[in-house]
Amino acid sequence: MAHFAQLDDSNIVLQVIVVGNDDINNLPFPESESVGLQFLINWSGGYTNWKQTSYNNNFRKNYAGVGYTYDEQRDAFIPPKPYASWVLNEEICQWKPPVPNPMDGKHYMWNESTVSWIEESL
């Protein structure tokens, strides 16, 4: 199975579609992408903005999800930014807090107004 993200004009993921191996001629990525693209153009009635995504994160850094952005320069899917203060880790294209999450076995949640982790009371 191959997975393809349908993108809007701003390269935001609208949905992810599974395409059968027979429909991509059992080809591996990257050869499968052009075959899958043609299949999806026909299947969707002419929609052309699709990018293949990897369920196992083998390419394009992250598996695409609704609301993710496809970044052409990085050739990567980037999740929505969770907080204004978080920064993008360029290597893995994931958002990281400016302060590391405490690793003391307790549960914390991010507080954007104080830009810090607050212990959760369970």
PDB file of N, CA and C in Angstrom:
ATOM      1  N   MET A   1       0.828  -1.179   0.000  1.00  0.00           N
ATOM      2  CA  MET A   1       0.000   0.000   0.000  1.00  0.00           C
ATOM      3  C   MET A   1       0.874   1.245   0.000  1.00  0.00           C
ATOM      4  N   ALA A   2       0.421   2.236  -0.705  1.00  0.00           N
ATOM      5  CA  ALA A   2       1.096   3.534  -0.732  1.00  0.00           C
ATOM      6  C   ALA A   2       0.114   4.570  -0.209  1.00  0.00           C
ATOM      7  N   HIS A   3       0.633   5.587   0.410  1.00  0.00           N
ATOM      8  CA  HIS A   3      -0.192   6.650   0.976  1.00  0.00           C
ATOM      9  C   HIS A   3       0.152   7.957   0.283  1.00  0.00           C
ATOM     10  N   PHE A   4      -0.906   8.706  -0.069  1.00  0.00           N
ATOM     11  CA  PHE A   4      -0.731   9.977  -0.752  1.00  0.00           C
ATOM     12  C   PHE A   4      -1.531  11.052  -0.030  1.00  0.00           C
ATOM     13  N   ALA A   5      -0.897  12.209   0.136  1.00  0.00           N
ATOM     14  CA  ALA A   5      -1.559  13.349   0.761  1.00  0.00           C
ATOM     15  C   ALA A   5      -2.109  14.261  -0.325  1.00  0.00           C
ATOM     16  N   GLN A   6      -3.377  14.618  -0.189  1.00  0.00           N
ATOM     17  CA  GLN A   6      -3.972  15.625  -1.071  1.00  0.00           C
ATOM     18  C   GLN A   6      -3.699  16.975  -0.436  1.00  0.00           C
ATOM     19  N   LEU A   7      -3.108  17.883  -1.233  1.00  0.00           N
ATOM     20  CA  LEU A   7      -2.711  19.199  -0.729  1.00  0.00           C
ATOM     21  C   LEU A   7      -3.569  20.295  -1.339  1.00  0.00           C
ATOM     22  N   ASP A   8      -3.806  21.355  -0.554  1.00  0.00           N
ATOM     23  CA  ASP A   8      -4.494  22.516  -1.116  1.00  0.00           C
ATOM     24  C   ASP A   8      -3.465  23.424  -1.789  1.00  0.00           C
ATOM     25  N   ASP A   9      -3.880  24.599  -2.230  1.00  0.00           N
ATOM     26  CA  ASP A   9      -2.985  25.512  -2.942  1.00  0.00           C
ATOM     27  C   ASP A   9      -1.845  26.043  -2.072  1.00  0.00           C
ATOM     28  N   SER A  10      -1.991  25.943  -0.752  1.00  0.00           N
ATOM     29  CA  SER A  10      -0.935  26.373   0.169  1.00  0.00           C
ATOM     30  C   SER A  10      -0.106  25.196   0.686  1.00  0.00           C
ATOM     31  N   ASN A  11      -0.302  24.033   0.077  1.00  0.00           N
ATOM     32  CA  ASN A  11       0.381  22.793   0.461  1.00  0.00           C
ATOM     33  C   ASN A  11       0.011  22.299   1.859  1.00  0.00           C
ATOM     34  N   ILE A  12      -1.211  22.593   2.278  1.00  0.00           N
ATOM     35  CA  ILE A  12      -1.747  22.058   3.524  1.00  0.00           C
ATOM     36  C   ILE A  12      -2.457  20.749   3.187  1.00  0.00           C
ATOM     37  N   VAL A  13      -2.217  19.713   4.002  1.00  0.00           N
ATOM     38  CA  VAL A  13      -2.812  18.403   3.758  1.00  0.00           C
ATOM     39  C   VAL A  13      -4.310  18.451   4.053  1.00  0.00           C
ATOM     40  N   LEU A  14      -5.093  18.056   3.039  1.00  0.00           N
ATOM     41  CA  LEU A  14      -6.549  17.981   3.166  1.00  0.00           C
ATOM     42  C   LEU A  14      -7.004  16.603   3.604  1.00  0.00           C
ATOM     43  N   GLN A  15      -6.337  15.578   3.077  1.00  0.00           N
ATOM     44  CA  GLN A  15      -6.655  14.201   3.422  1.00  0.00           C
ATOM     45  C   GLN A  15      -5.503  13.312   2.969  1.00  0.00           C
ATOM     46  N   VAL A  16      -5.479  12.082   3.501  1.00  0.00           N
ATOM     47  CA  VAL A  16      -4.496  11.095   3.081  1.00  0.00           C
ATOM     48  C   VAL A  16      -5.257   9.905   2.527  1.00  0.00           C
ATOM     49  N   ILE A  17      -4.857   9.462   1.340  1.00  0.00           N
ATOM     50  CA  ILE A  17      -5.530   8.392   0.614  1.00  0.00           C
ATOM     51  C   ILE A  17      -4.580   7.198   0.507  1.00  0.00           C
ATOM     52  N   VAL A  18      -5.117   6.004   0.664  1.00  0.00           N
ATOM     53  CA  VAL A  18      -4.345   4.783   0.467  1.00  0.00           C
ATOM     54  C   VAL A  18      -4.548   4.320  -0.968  1.00  0.00           C
ATOM     55  N   VAL A  19      -3.453   4.026  -1.635  1.00  0.00           N
ATOM     56  CA  VAL A  19      -3.480   3.540  -3.014  1.00  0.00           C
ATOM     57  C   VAL A  19      -2.905   2.133  -3.015  1.00  0.00           C
ATOM     58  N   GLY A  20      -3.604   1.214  -3.633  1.00  0.00           N
ATOM     59  CA  GLY A  20      -3.183  -0.182  -3.650  1.00  0.00           C
ATOM     60  C   GLY A  20      -1.893  -0.391  -4.425  1.00  0.00           C
ATOM     61  N   ASN A  21      -1.160  -1.426  -4.045  1.00  0.00           N
ATOM     62  CA  ASN A  21       0.099  -1.739  -4.713  1.00  0.00           C
ATOM     63  C   ASN A  21      -0.080  -1.978  -6.207  1.00  0.00           C
ATOM     64  N   ASP A  22      -1.174  -2.608  -6.600  1.00  0.00           N
ATOM     65  CA  ASP A  22      -1.416  -2.843  -8.027  1.00  0.00           C
ATOM     66  C   ASP A  22      -1.545  -1.522  -8.781  1.00  0.00           C
ATOM     67  N   ASP A  23      -2.086  -0.510  -8.114  1.00  0.00           N
ATOM     68  CA  ASP A  23      -2.296   0.790  -8.765  1.00  0.00           C
ATOM     69  C   ASP A  23      -1.008   1.594  -8.903  1.00  0.00           C
ATOM     70  N   ILE A  24       0.041   1.179  -8.204  1.00  0.00           N
ATOM     71  CA  ILE A  24       1.354   1.823  -8.367  1.00  0.00           C
ATOM     72  C   ILE A  24       2.346   0.842  -9.000  1.00  0.00           C
ATOM     73  N   ASN A  25       1.806  -0.207  -9.602  1.00  0.00           N
ATOM     74  CA  ASN A  25       2.632  -1.219 -10.287  1.00  0.00           C
ATOM     75  C   ASN A  25       3.662  -1.864  -9.363  1.00  0.00           C
ATOM     76  N   ASN A  26       3.314  -1.938  -8.062  1.00  0.00           N
ATOM     77  CA  ASN A  26       4.199  -2.539  -7.058  1.00  0.00           C
ATOM     78  C   ASN A  26       5.593  -1.908  -7.034  1.00  0.00           C
ATOM     79  N   LEU A  27       5.665  -0.651  -7.383  1.00  0.00           N
ATOM     80  CA  LEU A  27       6.945   0.052  -7.414  1.00  0.00           C
ATOM     81  C   LEU A  27       7.277   0.647  -6.046  1.00  0.00           C
ATOM     82  N   PRO A  28       8.554   0.737  -5.706  1.00  0.00           N
ATOM     83  CA  PRO A  28       8.960   1.413  -4.474  1.00  0.00           C
ATOM     84  C   PRO A  28       9.042   2.917  -4.707  1.00  0.00           C
ATOM     85  N   PHE A  29       9.067   3.672  -3.607  1.00  0.00           N
ATOM     86  CA  PHE A  29       9.300   5.106  -3.698  1.00  0.00           C
ATOM     87  C   PHE A  29      10.749   5.308  -4.109  1.00  0.00           C
ATOM     88  N   PRO A  30      11.112   6.204  -4.964  1.00  0.00           N
ATOM     89  CA  PRO A  30      10.314   7.296  -5.518  1.00  0.00           C
ATOM     90  C   PRO A  30       9.609   6.962  -6.839  1.00  0.00           C
ATOM     91  N   GLU A  31       9.907   5.790  -7.413  1.00  0.00           N
ATOM     92  CA  GLU A  31       9.289   5.439  -8.695  1.00  0.00           C
ATOM     93  C   GLU A  31       7.765   5.366  -8.606  1.00  0.00           C
ATOM     94  N   SER A  32       7.259   4.989  -7.453  1.00  0.00           N
ATOM     95  CA  SER A  32       5.809   4.828  -7.264  1.00  0.00           C
ATOM     96  C   SER A  32       5.060   6.155  -7.303  1.00  0.00           C
ATOM     97  N   GLU A  33       5.739   7.257  -7.004  1.00  0.00           N
ATOM     98  CA  GLU A  33       5.025   8.528  -6.862  1.00  0.00           C
ATOM     99  C   GLU A  33       4.403   8.994  -8.173  1.00  0.00           C
ATOM    100  N   SER A  34       5.116   8.950  -9.256  1.00  0.00           N
ATOM    101  CA  SER A  34       4.544   9.423 -10.520  1.00  0.00           C
ATOM    102  C   SER A  34       3.413   8.520 -10.994  1.00  0.00           C
ATOM    103  N   VAL A  35       3.540   7.219 -10.755  1.00  0.00           N
ATOM    104  CA  VAL A  35       2.475   6.288 -11.134  1.00  0.00           C
ATOM    105  C   VAL A  35       1.244   6.530 -10.259  1.00  0.00           C
ATOM    106  N   GLY A  36       1.465   6.672  -8.960  1.00  0.00           N
ATOM    107  CA  GLY A  36       0.367   6.956  -8.036  1.00  0.00           C
ATOM    108  C   GLY A  36      -0.288   8.286  -8.322  1.00  0.00           C
ATOM    109  N   LEU A  37       0.513   9.268  -8.689  1.00  0.00           N
ATOM    110  CA  LEU A  37      -0.025  10.583  -9.026  1.00  0.00           C
ATOM    111  C   LEU A  37      -0.976  10.483 -10.209  1.00  0.00           C
ATOM    112  N   GLN A  38      -0.578   9.775 -11.234  1.00  0.00           N
ATOM    113  CA  GLN A  38      -1.450   9.625 -12.405  1.00  0.00           C
ATOM    114  C   GLN A  38      -2.729   8.886 -12.040  1.00  0.00           C
ATOM    115  N   PHE A  39      -2.608   7.843 -11.216  1.00  0.00           N
ATOM    116  CA  PHE A  39      -3.792   7.116 -10.744  1.00  0.00           C
ATOM    117  C   PHE A  39      -4.740   8.064 -10.006  1.00  0.00           C
ATOM    118  N   LEU A  40      -4.195   8.890  -9.101  1.00  0.00           N
ATOM    119  CA  LEU A  40      -5.029   9.789  -8.300  1.00  0.00           C
ATOM    120  C   LEU A  40      -5.632  10.916  -9.125  1.00  0.00           C
ATOM    121  N   ILE A  41      -4.924  11.401 -10.120  1.00  0.00           N
ATOM    122  CA  ILE A  41      -5.495  12.422 -11.009  1.00  0.00           C
ATOM    123  C   ILE A  41      -6.725  11.855 -11.710  1.00  0.00           C
ATOM    124  N   ASN A  42      -6.599  10.640 -12.206  1.00  0.00           N
ATOM    125  CA  ASN A  42      -7.741   9.989 -12.860  1.00  0.00           C
ATOM    126  C   ASN A  42      -8.862   9.703 -11.867  1.00  0.00           C
ATOM    127  N   TRP A  43      -8.494   9.186 -10.705  1.00  0.00           N
ATOM    128  CA  TRP A  43      -9.479   8.806  -9.685  1.00  0.00           C
ATOM    129  C   TRP A  43     -10.242  10.024  -9.160  1.00  0.00           C
ATOM    130  N   SER A  44      -9.538  11.151  -9.011  1.00  0.00           N
ATOM    131  CA  SER A  44     -10.140  12.343  -8.396  1.00  0.00           C
ATOM    132  C   SER A  44     -10.811  13.268  -9.399  1.00  0.00           C
ATOM    133  N   GLY A  45     -10.792  12.901 -10.656  1.00  0.00           N
ATOM    134  CA  GLY A  45     -11.405  13.756 -11.661  1.00  0.00           C
ATOM    135  C   GLY A  45     -10.532  14.930 -12.075  1.00  0.00           C
ATOM    136  N   GLY A  46      -9.225  14.808 -11.904  1.00  0.00           N
ATOM    137  CA  GLY A  46      -8.326  15.834 -12.393  1.00  0.00           C
ATOM    138  C   GLY A  46      -7.552  16.607 -11.351  1.00  0.00           C
ATOM    139  N   TYR A  47      -7.751  16.314 -10.067  1.00  0.00           N
ATOM    140  CA  TYR A  47      -7.009  17.033  -9.020  1.00  0.00           C
ATOM    141  C   TYR A  47      -5.547  16.611  -9.078  1.00  0.00           C
ATOM    142  N   THR A  48      -4.631  17.585  -9.111  1.00  0.00           N
ATOM    143  CA  THR A  48      -3.223  17.270  -9.373  1.00  0.00           C
ATOM    144  C   THR A  48      -2.260  17.468  -8.208  1.00  0.00           C
ATOM    145  N   ASN A  49      -2.699  18.033  -7.105  1.00  0.00           N
ATOM    146  CA  ASN A  49      -1.757  18.363  -6.026  1.00  0.00           C
ATOM    147  C   ASN A  49      -1.725  17.250  -4.976  1.00  0.00           C
ATOM    148  N   TRP A  50      -0.912  16.229  -5.244  1.00  0.00           N
ATOM    149  CA  TRP A  50      -0.737  15.067  -4.380  1.00  0.00           C
ATOM    150  C   TRP A  50       0.746  14.842  -4.136  1.00  0.00           C
ATOM    151  N   LYS A  51       1.095  14.380  -2.942  1.00  0.00           N
ATOM    152  CA  LYS A  51       2.466  13.984  -2.621  1.00  0.00           C
ATOM    153  C   LYS A  51       2.403  12.666  -1.861  1.00  0.00           C
ATOM    154  N   GLN A  52       3.319  11.766  -2.215  1.00  0.00           N
ATOM    155  CA  GLN A  52       3.364  10.504  -1.493  1.00  0.00           C
ATOM    156  C   GLN A  52       3.953  10.726  -0.108  1.00  0.00           C
ATOM    157  N   THR A  53       3.450   9.971   0.857  1.00  0.00           N
ATOM    158  CA  THR A  53       3.924  10.066   2.234  1.00  0.00           C
ATOM    159  C   THR A  53       4.234   8.666   2.736  1.00  0.00           C
ATOM    160  N   SER A  54       5.098   8.560   3.704  1.00  0.00           N
ATOM    161  CA  SER A  54       5.523   7.257   4.215  1.00  0.00           C
ATOM    162  C   SER A  54       4.935   7.001   5.590  1.00  0.00           C
ATOM    163  N   TYR A  55       4.176   5.924   5.696  1.00  0.00           N
ATOM    164  CA  TYR A  55       3.583   5.530   6.976  1.00  0.00           C
ATOM    165  C   TYR A  55       4.674   5.251   8.015  1.00  0.00           C
ATOM    166  N   ASN A  56       5.832   4.799   7.555  1.00  0.00           N
ATOM    167  CA  ASN A  56       6.953   4.473   8.450  1.00  0.00           C
ATOM    168  C   ASN A  56       7.990   5.588   8.524  1.00  0.00           C
ATOM    169  N   ASN A  57       7.659   6.762   7.994  1.00  0.00           N
ATOM    170  CA  ASN A  57       8.575   7.909   7.989  1.00  0.00           C
ATOM    171  C   ASN A  57       9.890   7.607   7.270  1.00  0.00           C
ATOM    172  N   ASN A  58       9.831   6.772   6.240  1.00  0.00           N
ATOM    173  CA  ASN A  58      11.037   6.431   5.484  1.00  0.00           C
ATOM    174  C   ASN A  58      11.475   7.558   4.548  1.00  0.00           C
ATOM    175  N   PHE A  59      10.572   8.447   4.220  1.00  0.00           N
ATOM    176  CA  PHE A  59      10.895   9.603   3.400  1.00  0.00           C
ATOM    177  C   PHE A  59       9.955  10.729   3.784  1.00  0.00           C
ATOM    178  N   ARG A  60      10.351  11.942   3.474  1.00  0.00           N
ATOM    179  CA  ARG A  60       9.608  13.174   3.773  1.00  0.00           C
ATOM    180  C   ARG A  60       9.375  13.380   5.267  1.00  0.00           C
ATOM    181  N   LYS A  61      10.307  12.886   6.044  1.00  0.00           N
ATOM    182  CA  LYS A  61      10.425  13.117   7.494  1.00  0.00           C
ATOM    183  C   LYS A  61       9.277  12.588   8.338  1.00  0.00           C
ATOM    184  N   ASN A  62       8.025  12.947   8.000  1.00  0.00           N
ATOM    185  CA  ASN A  62       6.869  12.581   8.822  1.00  0.00           C
ATOM    186  C   ASN A  62       5.738  12.070   7.945  1.00  0.00           C
ATOM    187  N   TYR A  63       4.947  11.170   8.500  1.00  0.00           N
ATOM    188  CA  TYR A  63       3.734  10.733   7.816  1.00  0.00           C
ATOM    189  C   TYR A  63       2.757  11.904   7.809  1.00  0.00           C
ATOM    190  N   ALA A  64       2.222  12.211   6.652  1.00  0.00           N
ATOM    191  CA  ALA A  64       1.316  13.355   6.528  1.00  0.00           C
ATOM    192  C   ALA A  64       0.025  13.123   7.315  1.00  0.00           C
ATOM    193  N   GLY A  65      -0.503  14.179   7.844  1.00  0.00           N
ATOM    194  CA  GLY A  65      -1.799  14.151   8.516  1.00  0.00           C
ATOM    195  C   GLY A  65      -2.577  15.389   8.112  1.00  0.00           C
ATOM    196  N   VAL A  66      -3.871  15.342   8.293  1.00  0.00           N
ATOM    197  CA  VAL A  66      -4.702  16.505   7.970  1.00  0.00           C
ATOM    198  C   VAL A  66      -4.183  17.709   8.753  1.00  0.00           C
ATOM    199  N   GLY A  67      -3.980  18.809   8.046  1.00  0.00           N
ATOM    200  CA  GLY A  67      -3.473  20.029   8.669  1.00  0.00           C
ATOM    201  C   GLY A  67      -1.965  20.183   8.601  1.00  0.00           C
ATOM    202  N   TYR A  68      -1.249  19.125   8.266  1.00  0.00           N
ATOM    203  CA  TYR A  68       0.193  19.230   8.094  1.00  0.00           C
ATOM    204  C   TYR A  68       0.485  20.079   6.858  1.00  0.00           C
ATOM    205  N   THR A  69       1.701  20.592   6.771  1.00  0.00           N
ATOM    206  CA  THR A  69       2.149  21.360   5.619  1.00  0.00           C
ATOM    207  C   THR A  69       3.239  20.583   4.904  1.00  0.00           C
ATOM    208  N   TYR A  70       3.131  20.527   3.584  1.00  0.00           N
ATOM    209  CA  TYR A  70       4.235  19.969   2.811  1.00  0.00           C
ATOM    210  C   TYR A  70       5.173  21.119   2.474  1.00  0.00           C
ATOM    211  N   ASP A  71       6.422  21.012   2.925  1.00  0.00           N
ATOM    212  CA  ASP A  71       7.438  22.029   2.689  1.00  0.00           C
ATOM    213  C   ASP A  71       8.302  21.560   1.524  1.00  0.00           C
ATOM    214  N   GLU A  72       8.197  22.244   0.392  1.00  0.00           N
ATOM    215  CA  GLU A  72       8.930  21.850  -0.808  1.00  0.00           C
ATOM    216  C   GLU A  72      10.440  21.951  -0.627  1.00  0.00           C
ATOM    217  N   GLN A  73      10.915  22.991   0.052  1.00  0.00           N
ATOM    218  CA  GLN A  73      12.366  23.170   0.237  1.00  0.00           C
ATOM    219  C   GLN A  73      12.969  22.042   1.064  1.00  0.00           C
ATOM    220  N   ARG A  74      12.261  21.611   2.086  1.00  0.00           N
ATOM    221  CA  ARG A  74      12.755  20.542   2.950  1.00  0.00           C
ATOM    222  C   ARG A  74      12.330  19.155   2.448  1.00  0.00           C
ATOM    223  N   ASP A  75      11.412  19.128   1.465  1.00  0.00           N
ATOM    224  CA  ASP A  75      10.794  17.892   0.988  1.00  0.00           C
ATOM    225  C   ASP A  75      10.298  17.080   2.184  1.00  0.00           C
ATOM    226  N   ALA A  76       9.483  17.747   3.012  1.00  0.00           N
ATOM    227  CA  ALA A  76       9.040  17.148   4.265  1.00  0.00           C
ATOM    228  C   ALA A  76       7.621  17.590   4.612  1.00  0.00           C
ATOM    229  N   PHE A  77       6.925  16.707   5.332  1.00  0.00           N
ATOM    230  CA  PHE A  77       5.637  17.063   5.917  1.00  0.00           C
ATOM    231  C   PHE A  77       5.894  17.537   7.341  1.00  0.00           C
ATOM    232  N   ILE A  78       5.343  18.702   7.667  1.00  0.00           N
ATOM    233  CA  ILE A  78       5.558  19.312   8.977  1.00  0.00           C
ATOM    234  C   ILE A  78       4.207  19.457   9.673  1.00  0.00           C
ATOM    235  N   PRO A  79       4.101  18.957  10.911  1.00  0.00           N
ATOM    236  CA  PRO A  79       2.830  19.079  11.627  1.00  0.00           C
ATOM    237  C   PRO A  79       2.521  20.539  11.957  1.00  0.00           C
ATOM    238  N   PRO A  80       1.267  20.818  12.283  1.00  0.00           N
ATOM    239  CA  PRO A  80       0.919  22.190  12.693  1.00  0.00           C
ATOM    240  C   PRO A  80       1.718  22.596  13.940  1.00  0.00           C
ATOM    241  N   LYS A  81       2.087  23.848  13.993  1.00  0.00           N
ATOM    242  CA  LYS A  81       2.847  24.365  15.133  1.00  0.00           C
ATOM    243  C   LYS A  81       1.918  24.419  16.343  1.00  0.00           C
ATOM    244  N   PRO A  82       2.272  23.723  17.431  1.00  0.00           N
ATOM    245  CA  PRO A  82       1.356  23.669  18.577  1.00  0.00           C
ATOM    246  C   PRO A  82       1.306  24.949  19.406  1.00  0.00           C
ATOM    247  N   TYR A  83       2.431  25.658  19.494  1.00  0.00           N
ATOM    248  CA  TYR A  83       2.506  26.885  20.286  1.00  0.00           C
ATOM    249  C   TYR A  83       3.426  27.877  19.582  1.00  0.00           C
ATOM    250  N   ALA A  84       3.173  29.151  19.777  1.00  0.00           N
ATOM    251  CA  ALA A  84       3.967  30.191  19.117  1.00  0.00           C
ATOM    252  C   ALA A  84       5.441  30.135  19.507  1.00  0.00           C
ATOM    253  N   SER A  85       5.744  29.722  20.721  1.00  0.00           N
ATOM    254  CA  SER A  85       7.131  29.735  21.204  1.00  0.00           C
ATOM    255  C   SER A  85       7.943  28.527  20.728  1.00  0.00           C
ATOM    256  N   TRP A  86       7.299  27.504  20.224  1.00  0.00           N
ATOM    257  CA  TRP A  86       8.023  26.297  19.834  1.00  0.00           C
ATOM    258  C   TRP A  86       8.782  26.536  18.537  1.00  0.00           C
ATOM    259  N   VAL A  87       9.897  25.845  18.389  1.00  0.00           N
ATOM    260  CA  VAL A  87      10.766  26.014  17.225  1.00  0.00           C
ATOM    261  C   VAL A  87      10.875  24.699  16.459  1.00  0.00           C
ATOM    262  N   LEU A  88      11.116  24.835  15.173  1.00  0.00           N
ATOM    263  CA  LEU A  88      11.195  23.654  14.321  1.00  0.00           C
ATOM    264  C   LEU A  88      12.576  23.025  14.415  1.00  0.00           C
ATOM    265  N   ASN A  89      12.601  21.746  14.722  1.00  0.00           N
ATOM    266  CA  ASN A  89      13.828  20.965  14.656  1.00  0.00           C
ATOM    267  C   ASN A  89      14.010  20.613  13.181  1.00  0.00           C
ATOM    268  N   GLU A  90      14.970  21.244  12.534  1.00  0.00           N
ATOM    269  CA  GLU A  90      15.174  21.106  11.090  1.00  0.00           C
ATOM    270  C   GLU A  90      15.518  19.678  10.677  1.00  0.00           C
ATOM    271  N   GLU A  91      16.180  18.954  11.535  1.00  0.00           N
ATOM    272  CA  GLU A  91      16.606  17.593  11.184  1.00  0.00           C
ATOM    273  C   GLU A  91      15.430  16.640  11.057  1.00  0.00           C
ATOM    274  N   ILE A  92      14.471  16.738  11.970  1.00  0.00           N
ATOM    275  CA  ILE A  92      13.335  15.808  11.956  1.00  0.00           C
ATOM    276  C   ILE A  92      12.015  16.477  11.573  1.00  0.00           C
ATOM    277  N   CYS A  93      12.039  17.786  11.372  1.00  0.00           N
ATOM    278  CA  CYS A  93      10.840  18.562  11.009  1.00  0.00           C
ATOM    279  C   CYS A  93       9.689  18.328  11.988  1.00  0.00           C
ATOM    280  N   GLN A  94      10.016  18.439  13.263  1.00  0.00           N
ATOM    281  CA  GLN A  94       9.045  18.377  14.346  1.00  0.00           C
ATOM    282  C   GLN A  94       9.231  19.623  15.208  1.00  0.00           C
ATOM    283  N   TRP A  95       8.130  20.090  15.802  1.00  0.00           N
ATOM    284  CA  TRP A  95       8.185  21.258  16.677  1.00  0.00           C
ATOM    285  C   TRP A  95       8.659  20.842  18.057  1.00  0.00           C
ATOM    286  N   LYS A  96       9.552  21.632  18.617  1.00  0.00           N
ATOM    287  CA  LYS A  96      10.116  21.358  19.934  1.00  0.00           C
ATOM    288  C   LYS A  96       9.927  22.568  20.834  1.00  0.00           C
ATOM    289  N   PRO A  97       9.673  22.336  22.120  1.00  0.00           N
ATOM    290  CA  PRO A  97       9.523  23.462  23.048  1.00  0.00           C
ATOM    291  C   PRO A  97      10.870  24.141  23.282  1.00  0.00           C
ATOM    292  N   PRO A  98      10.842  25.418  23.639  1.00  0.00           N
ATOM    293  CA  PRO A  98      12.091  26.128  23.911  1.00  0.00           C
ATOM    294  C   PRO A  98      12.749  25.663  25.212  1.00  0.00           C
ATOM    295  N   VAL A  99      11.980  24.976  26.049  1.00  0.00           N
ATOM    296  CA  VAL A  99      12.473  24.426  27.312  1.00  0.00           C
ATOM    297  C   VAL A  99      12.181  22.926  27.280  1.00  0.00           C
ATOM    298  N   PRO A 100      13.182  22.079  27.485  1.00  0.00           N
ATOM    299  CA  PRO A 100      12.939  20.635  27.436  1.00  0.00           C
ATOM    300  C   PRO A 100      11.925  20.174  28.485  1.00  0.00           C
ATOM    301  N   ASN A 101      11.154  19.171  28.123  1.00  0.00           N
ATOM    302  CA  ASN A 101      10.185  18.568  29.033  1.00  0.00           C
ATOM    303  C   ASN A 101      10.939  17.867  30.162  1.00  0.00           C
ATOM    304  N   PRO A 102      10.582  18.123  31.427  1.00  0.00           N
ATOM    305  CA  PRO A 102      11.255  17.431  32.536  1.00  0.00           C
ATOM    306  C   PRO A 102      11.114  15.913  32.394  1.00  0.00           C
ATOM    307  N   MET A 103      12.176  15.211  32.674  1.00  0.00           N
ATOM    308  CA  MET A 103      12.191  13.754  32.553  1.00  0.00           C
ATOM    309  C   MET A 103      12.293  13.115  33.939  1.00  0.00           C
ATOM    310  N   ASP A 104      11.337  13.446  34.810  1.00  0.00           N
ATOM    311  CA  ASP A 104      11.395  12.935  36.179  1.00  0.00           C
ATOM    312  C   ASP A 104      10.252  11.972  36.495  1.00  0.00           C
ATOM    313  N   GLY A 105       9.556  11.502  35.446  1.00  0.00           N
ATOM    314  CA  GLY A 105       8.479  10.539  35.645  1.00  0.00           C
ATOM    315  C   GLY A 105       7.129  11.160  35.975  1.00  0.00           C
ATOM    316  N   LYS A 106       7.084  12.458  36.179  1.00  0.00           N
ATOM    317  CA  LYS A 106       5.823  13.143  36.454  1.00  0.00           C
ATOM    318  C   LYS A 106       5.182  13.572  35.136  1.00  0.00           C
ATOM    319  N   HIS A 107       3.908  13.950  35.199  1.00  0.00           N
ATOM    320  CA  HIS A 107       3.187  14.406  34.013  1.00  0.00           C
ATOM    321  C   HIS A 107       3.159  15.933  33.978  1.00  0.00           C
ATOM    322  N   TYR A 108       3.488  16.480  32.804  1.00  0.00           N
ATOM    323  CA  TYR A 108       3.531  17.920  32.632  1.00  0.00           C
ATOM    324  C   TYR A 108       2.719  18.322  31.409  1.00  0.00           C
ATOM    325  N   MET A 109       2.263  19.560  31.426  1.00  0.00           N
ATOM    326  CA  MET A 109       1.642  20.143  30.240  1.00  0.00           C
ATOM    327  C   MET A 109       2.302  21.497  29.986  1.00  0.00           C
ATOM    328  N   TRP A 110       2.291  21.898  28.735  1.00  0.00           N
ATOM    329  CA  TRP A 110       2.946  23.143  28.354  1.00  0.00           C
ATOM    330  C   TRP A 110       2.069  24.334  28.689  1.00  0.00           C
ATOM    331  N   ASN A 111       2.669  25.377  29.255  1.00  0.00           N
ATOM    332  CA  ASN A 111       1.972  26.623  29.546  1.00  0.00           C
ATOM    333  C   ASN A 111       2.611  27.701  28.678  1.00  0.00           C
ATOM    334  N   GLU A 112       1.911  28.100  27.645  1.00  0.00           N
ATOM    335  CA  GLU A 112       2.463  29.069  26.700  1.00  0.00           C
ATOM    336  C   GLU A 112       2.633  30.452  27.315  1.00  0.00           C
ATOM    337  N   SER A 113       1.755  30.828  28.246  1.00  0.00           N
ATOM    338  CA  SER A 113       1.864  32.179  28.819  1.00  0.00           C
ATOM    339  C   SER A 113       3.110  32.347  29.678  1.00  0.00           C
ATOM    340  N   THR A 114       3.587  31.261  30.289  1.00  0.00           N
ATOM    341  CA  THR A 114       4.821  31.333  31.080  1.00  0.00           C
ATOM    342  C   THR A 114       6.014  30.696  30.356  1.00  0.00           C
ATOM    343  N   VAL A 115       5.745  30.137  29.193  1.00  0.00           N
ATOM    344  CA  VAL A 115       6.749  29.443  28.396  1.00  0.00           C
ATOM    345  C   VAL A 115       7.507  28.439  29.279  1.00  0.00           C
ATOM    346  N   SER A 116       6.707  27.570  29.914  1.00  0.00           N
ATOM    347  CA  SER A 116       7.295  26.579  30.808  1.00  0.00           C
ATOM    348  C   SER A 116       6.367  25.379  30.946  1.00  0.00           C
ATOM    349  N   TRP A 117       6.919  24.324  31.522  1.00  0.00           N
ATOM    350  CA  TRP A 117       6.154  23.119  31.788  1.00  0.00           C
ATOM    351  C   TRP A 117       5.534  23.224  33.185  1.00  0.00           C
ATOM    352  N   ILE A 118       4.263  22.860  33.278  1.00  0.00           N
ATOM    353  CA  ILE A 118       3.541  22.884  34.552  1.00  0.00           C
ATOM    354  C   ILE A 118       3.157  21.449  34.897  1.00  0.00           C
ATOM    355  N   GLU A 119       3.478  21.048  36.125  1.00  0.00           N
ATOM    356  CA  GLU A 119       3.156  19.684  36.538  1.00  0.00           C
ATOM    357  C   GLU A 119       1.632  19.515  36.600  1.00  0.00           C
ATOM    358  N   GLU A 120       1.167  18.424  36.052  1.00  0.00           N
ATOM    359  CA  GLU A 120      -0.264  18.105  36.092  1.00  0.00           C
ATOM    360  C   GLU A 120      -0.570  17.396  37.391  1.00  0.00           C
ATOM    361  N   SER A 121      -1.687  17.753  38.000  1.00  0.00           N
ATOM    362  CA  SER A 121      -2.127  17.037  39.200  1.00  0.00           C
ATOM    363  C   SER A 121      -3.139  15.994  38.741  1.00  0.00           C
ATOM    364  N   LEU A 122      -2.796  14.753  38.979  1.00  0.00           N
ATOM    365  CA  LEU A 122      -3.661  13.644  38.537  1.00  0.00           C
ATOM    366  C   LEU A 122      -4.609  13.201  39.620  1.00  0.00           C
TER     367      LEU A 122
END
